[in-house]
Protein backbone atom coordinates (compact mmCIF):
# COMPACT_ATOMS: atom_id res chain seq x y z
CA UNK A 1 20.72 -16.84 -51.17
CA UNK A 2 22.97 -14.28 -49.50
CA UNK A 3 20.24 -11.62 -49.74
CA UNK A 4 17.73 -13.95 -48.04
CA UNK A 5 20.28 -14.59 -45.29
CA UNK A 6 20.82 -10.84 -44.81
CA UNK A 7 17.06 -10.26 -44.59
CA UNK A 8 16.82 -13.03 -42.00
CA UNK A 9 19.62 -11.47 -39.93
CA UNK A 10 17.97 -8.03 -40.12
CA UNK A 11 14.63 -9.45 -39.02
CA UNK A 12 16.30 -11.17 -36.06
CA UNK A 13 18.06 -7.98 -35.02
CA UNK A 14 14.83 -6.03 -35.37
CA UNK A 15 13.03 -8.60 -33.24
CA UNK A 16 15.70 -8.41 -30.56
CA UNK A 17 15.60 -4.62 -30.62
CA UNK A 18 11.82 -4.51 -30.24
CA UNK A 19 11.96 -7.06 -27.41
CA UNK A 20 14.62 -5.04 -25.60
CA UNK A 21 12.56 -1.86 -25.96
CA UNK A 22 9.41 -3.59 -24.66
CA UNK A 23 11.33 -5.19 -21.79
CA UNK A 24 12.86 -1.86 -20.84
CA UNK A 25 9.41 -0.22 -20.99
CA UNK A 26 7.98 -2.97 -18.80
CA UNK A 27 10.80 -2.57 -16.27
CA UNK A 28 10.30 1.21 -16.27
CA UNK A 29 6.57 0.71 -15.63
CA UNK A 30 7.24 -1.65 -12.72
CA UNK A 31 9.82 0.77 -11.30
CA UNK A 32 7.33 3.63 -11.58
CA UNK A 33 4.59 1.62 -9.86
CA UNK A 34 6.97 0.57 -7.09
CA UNK A 35 7.96 4.19 -6.62
CA UNK A 36 4.30 5.21 -6.25
CA UNK A 37 3.72 2.46 -3.69
CA UNK A 38 6.74 3.50 -1.68
CA UNK A 39 5.70 7.16 -1.81
CA UNK A 40 2.21 6.33 -0.53
CA UNK A 41 3.49 4.16 2.31
CA UNK A 42 6.11 6.73 3.33
CA UNK A 43 3.41 9.42 3.36
CA UNK A 44 1.23 7.42 5.76
CA UNK A 45 4.11 6.52 8.08
CA UNK A 46 5.45 10.08 8.16
CA UNK A 47 1.99 11.53 8.74
CA UNK A 48 1.40 9.17 11.64
CA UNK A 49 4.75 10.08 13.21
CA UNK A 50 3.86 13.77 12.97
CA UNK A 51 0.43 13.12 14.46
CA UNK A 52 1.89 11.25 17.44
CA UNK A 53 4.53 13.95 17.98
CA UNK A 54 1.90 16.72 18.02
CA UNK A 55 -0.59 15.03 20.36
CA UNK A 56 0.08 14.25 24.00
CA UNK A 57 -1.47 11.33 25.84
CA UNK A 58 -4.16 13.61 27.27
CA UNK A 59 -5.53 14.15 23.75
CA UNK A 60 -6.55 10.50 23.52
CA UNK A 61 -8.16 10.16 26.95
CA UNK A 62 -11.68 11.17 25.79
CA UNK A 63 -11.59 8.44 23.13
CA UNK A 64 -10.38 5.53 25.21
CA UNK A 65 -13.68 4.53 26.82
CA UNK A 66 -16.06 5.20 23.92
CA UNK A 67 -17.41 7.78 21.53
CA UNK A 68 -20.22 10.33 21.50
CA UNK A 69 -20.24 11.79 17.98
CA UNK A 70 -22.45 14.75 17.12
CA UNK A 71 -23.45 13.45 13.69
CA UNK A 72 -23.54 10.42 11.45
CA UNK A 73 -22.17 11.58 8.12
CA UNK A 74 -22.75 9.65 4.90
CA UNK A 75 -20.51 10.95 2.16
CA UNK A 76 -18.68 9.84 -0.94
CA UNK A 77 -15.36 8.02 -0.63
CA UNK A 78 -13.88 10.61 -3.00
CA UNK A 79 -10.68 12.01 -1.46
CA UNK A 80 -11.72 15.55 -2.44
CA UNK A 81 -14.60 15.51 0.07
CA UNK A 82 -12.90 17.04 3.08
CA UNK A 83 -14.25 16.18 6.53
CA UNK A 84 -12.55 19.28 7.96
CA UNK A 85 -14.76 21.39 5.68
CA UNK A 86 -17.69 20.61 7.99
CA UNK A 87 -15.76 20.21 11.23
CA UNK A 88 -12.23 21.59 11.76
CA UNK A 89 -11.74 19.01 14.53
CA UNK A 90 -13.72 15.95 13.39
CA UNK A 91 -12.01 13.62 15.87
CA UNK A 92 -14.77 12.26 18.06
CA UNK A 93 -17.38 14.52 16.44
CA UNK A 94 -18.23 12.74 13.20
CA UNK A 95 -19.21 9.11 12.71
CA UNK A 96 -18.10 8.87 9.08
CA UNK A 97 -19.59 6.43 6.57
CA UNK A 98 -18.01 6.66 3.12
CA UNK A 99 -18.64 4.82 -0.12
CA UNK A 100 -18.81 5.64 -3.82
CA UNK A 101 -21.86 7.77 -4.47
CA UNK A 102 -22.71 8.37 -0.78
CA UNK A 103 -25.30 5.59 -0.73
CA UNK A 104 -27.48 4.23 2.05
CA UNK A 105 -27.51 0.78 0.41
CA UNK A 106 -23.72 0.44 0.60
CA UNK A 107 -23.46 1.56 4.22
CA UNK A 108 -26.79 0.80 5.87
CA UNK A 109 -25.35 -1.15 8.81
CA UNK A 110 -22.83 1.57 9.65
CA UNK A 111 -25.47 4.29 9.39
CA UNK A 112 -27.90 2.38 11.61
CA UNK A 113 -25.14 1.89 14.16
CA UNK A 114 -24.43 5.63 14.22
CA UNK A 115 -28.08 6.54 14.72
CA UNK A 116 -29.47 3.67 16.77
CA UNK A 117 -26.47 2.77 18.93
CA UNK A 118 -24.44 5.98 19.12
CA UNK A 119 -27.68 8.02 19.08
CA UNK A 120 -26.44 10.82 16.84
CA UNK A 121 -29.24 13.38 16.39
CA UNK A 122 -28.11 14.31 12.87
CA UNK A 123 -27.77 12.25 9.72
CA UNK A 124 -25.92 14.41 7.21
CA UNK A 125 -25.82 13.07 3.65
CA UNK A 126 -23.23 14.77 1.46
CA UNK A 127 -22.91 14.52 -2.31
CA UNK A 128 -20.25 16.52 -4.11
CA UNK A 129 -19.28 18.37 -7.28
CA UNK A 130 -18.87 16.20 -10.40
CA UNK A 131 -19.12 12.94 -8.46
CA UNK A 132 -17.37 10.16 -10.36
CA UNK A 133 -19.86 7.50 -9.22
CA UNK A 134 -22.79 9.61 -10.36
CA UNK A 135 -21.08 10.32 -13.68
CA UNK A 136 -20.51 6.59 -14.16
CA UNK A 137 -24.15 5.83 -13.30
CA UNK A 138 -25.22 8.25 -16.05
CA UNK A 139 -23.52 6.02 -18.65
CA UNK A 140 -23.20 2.38 -19.65
CA UNK A 141 -20.92 0.96 -16.94
CA UNK A 142 -21.40 -2.71 -17.86
CA UNK A 143 -17.66 -3.27 -18.42
CA UNK A 144 -16.69 -2.30 -14.86
CA UNK A 145 -15.83 -4.80 -12.14
CA UNK A 146 -18.86 -6.70 -10.69
CA UNK A 147 -18.59 -5.17 -7.21
CA UNK A 148 -18.43 -1.64 -8.62
CA UNK A 149 -21.38 -2.36 -10.92
CA UNK A 150 -23.34 -3.60 -7.92
CA UNK A 151 -22.74 -0.33 -6.10
CA UNK A 152 -23.63 1.77 -9.14
CA UNK A 153 -26.83 -0.21 -9.71
CA UNK A 154 -28.36 1.43 -6.64
CA UNK A 155 -27.81 4.97 -7.98
CA UNK A 156 -31.12 5.54 -9.73
CA UNK A 157 -30.54 8.47 -12.08
CA UNK A 158 -31.32 9.02 -15.78
CA UNK A 159 -28.71 8.45 -18.46
CA UNK A 160 -27.00 11.66 -19.51
CA UNK A 161 -23.81 13.41 -20.50
CA UNK A 162 -21.17 13.03 -17.74
CA UNK A 163 -19.19 15.94 -19.20
CA UNK A 164 -22.07 18.39 -18.85
CA UNK A 165 -21.65 20.21 -15.52
CA UNK A 166 -25.33 21.13 -15.16
CA UNK A 167 -26.51 17.59 -15.95
CA UNK A 168 -24.09 16.11 -13.42
CA UNK A 169 -25.07 18.69 -10.82
CA UNK A 170 -28.74 17.77 -11.27
CA UNK A 171 -27.90 14.06 -11.07
CA UNK A 172 -25.86 14.58 -7.89
CA UNK A 173 -28.84 16.35 -6.32
CA UNK A 174 -31.21 13.59 -7.45
CA UNK A 175 -28.98 11.00 -5.84
CA UNK A 176 -28.77 12.94 -2.57
CA UNK A 177 -32.54 13.37 -2.50
CA UNK A 178 -33.00 9.64 -3.18
CA UNK A 179 -30.73 8.80 -0.24
CA UNK A 180 -32.68 11.15 2.03
CA UNK A 181 -35.95 9.55 0.89
CA UNK A 182 -34.63 6.09 1.76
CA UNK A 183 -33.30 7.29 5.12
CA UNK A 184 -36.72 8.78 5.93
CA UNK A 185 -38.25 5.32 5.52
CA UNK A 186 -35.60 3.52 7.56
CA UNK A 187 -35.50 5.99 10.42
CA UNK A 188 -39.18 6.91 10.56
CA UNK A 189 -39.45 6.03 14.31
CA UNK A 190 -36.57 8.36 15.24
CA UNK A 191 -38.03 11.15 13.13
CA UNK A 192 -41.50 10.78 14.65
CA UNK A 193 -40.01 10.88 18.14
CA UNK A 194 -38.10 14.07 17.29
CA UNK A 195 -34.77 12.38 17.91
CA UNK A 196 -33.33 12.87 14.43
CA UNK A 197 -32.97 15.34 11.59
CA UNK A 198 -31.89 14.17 8.13
CA UNK A 199 -30.14 16.72 5.94
CA UNK A 200 -29.07 16.33 2.33
CA UNK A 201 -26.31 18.55 0.97
CA UNK A 202 -23.71 18.98 -1.76
CA UNK A 203 -20.07 19.78 -1.03
CA UNK A 204 -19.14 22.21 -3.79
CA UNK A 205 -15.35 22.32 -4.10
CA UNK A 206 -15.69 23.60 -7.69
CA UNK A 207 -17.98 26.52 -6.83
CA UNK A 208 -20.61 25.28 -9.32
CA UNK A 209 -23.33 26.94 -7.22
CA UNK A 210 -21.46 30.26 -7.05
CA UNK A 211 -21.72 30.24 -3.26
CA UNK A 212 -17.98 29.92 -2.62
CA UNK A 213 -15.37 27.21 -3.08
CA UNK A 214 -15.80 24.42 -0.54
CA UNK A 215 -19.32 25.50 0.42
CA UNK A 216 -21.77 22.99 1.85
CA UNK A 217 -25.02 23.67 -0.02
CA UNK A 218 -28.15 22.38 1.73
CA UNK A 219 -30.73 20.92 -0.66
CA UNK A 220 -32.97 18.75 1.52
CA UNK A 221 -34.18 18.71 5.12
CA UNK A 222 -36.31 15.74 6.15
CA UNK A 223 -37.56 15.39 2.58
CA UNK A 224 -38.27 19.08 1.94
CA UNK A 225 -36.32 20.48 -1.02
CA UNK A 226 -37.76 24.01 -1.10
CA UNK A 227 -34.86 26.43 -0.39
CA UNK A 228 -37.01 28.82 1.66
CA UNK A 229 -38.45 26.03 3.77
CA UNK A 230 -34.97 24.60 4.26
CA UNK A 231 -33.80 27.95 5.61
CA UNK A 232 -36.82 28.06 7.90
CA UNK A 233 -36.12 24.53 9.10
CA UNK A 234 -32.52 25.49 9.84
CA UNK A 235 -33.43 28.88 11.24
CA UNK A 236 -32.00 27.89 14.61
CA UNK A 237 -28.58 27.98 12.94
CA UNK A 238 -27.87 31.14 10.96
CA UNK A 239 -25.84 31.04 7.78
CA UNK A 240 -27.24 27.89 6.13
CA UNK A 241 -26.60 28.15 2.37
CA UNK A 242 -29.19 26.80 -0.08
CA UNK A 243 -29.39 26.77 -3.87
């Protein structure tokens, strides 16, 4: 009887120990998450203070009564796609539309506004190295959240190996070309009137194309994917890099 009682006591102590360990782990997790939240918020507040300190009132005067951007840019929401890689001073220059997978379907209204109301003469569609949305679309993503699945459903690429750099690179290009094709249909009137050029590109921050880290590689101009013809189309601007 005494041995059974001892076993019972040991089991209770073990249970209490495990519960304390789990509770401590849970508290540590919450503390860690709270710390990350605070760090993110502090970063934004501090960055805004620095921005205000560096810019006088005169800096904002051109923006107060409207905007006249040079380009509508459709790119991935990925934080590694840097707007200052295509414009060192994007303020007022770029009408940015961002979503996972740089898709027309997810940002059609914003893109139409940029082209048909702000009258930007350039629609620049930018995919990027090892795009997470493209990699997900290459696999079975049925367990993801409904809204994310809905976005990925419009990326029409073959199933493949998301860890294979060359396969992902090809899929990224396919997706960019598909977006250009859709844009050509939507903005056919502007194209026929010579008011718009649609360019598809890949932002290569990994140097997968061996053209330089952070290079914008042009892969499509108004539906043409031939590198030589792309260079001819962009001949008015020297230095365009193709595949």
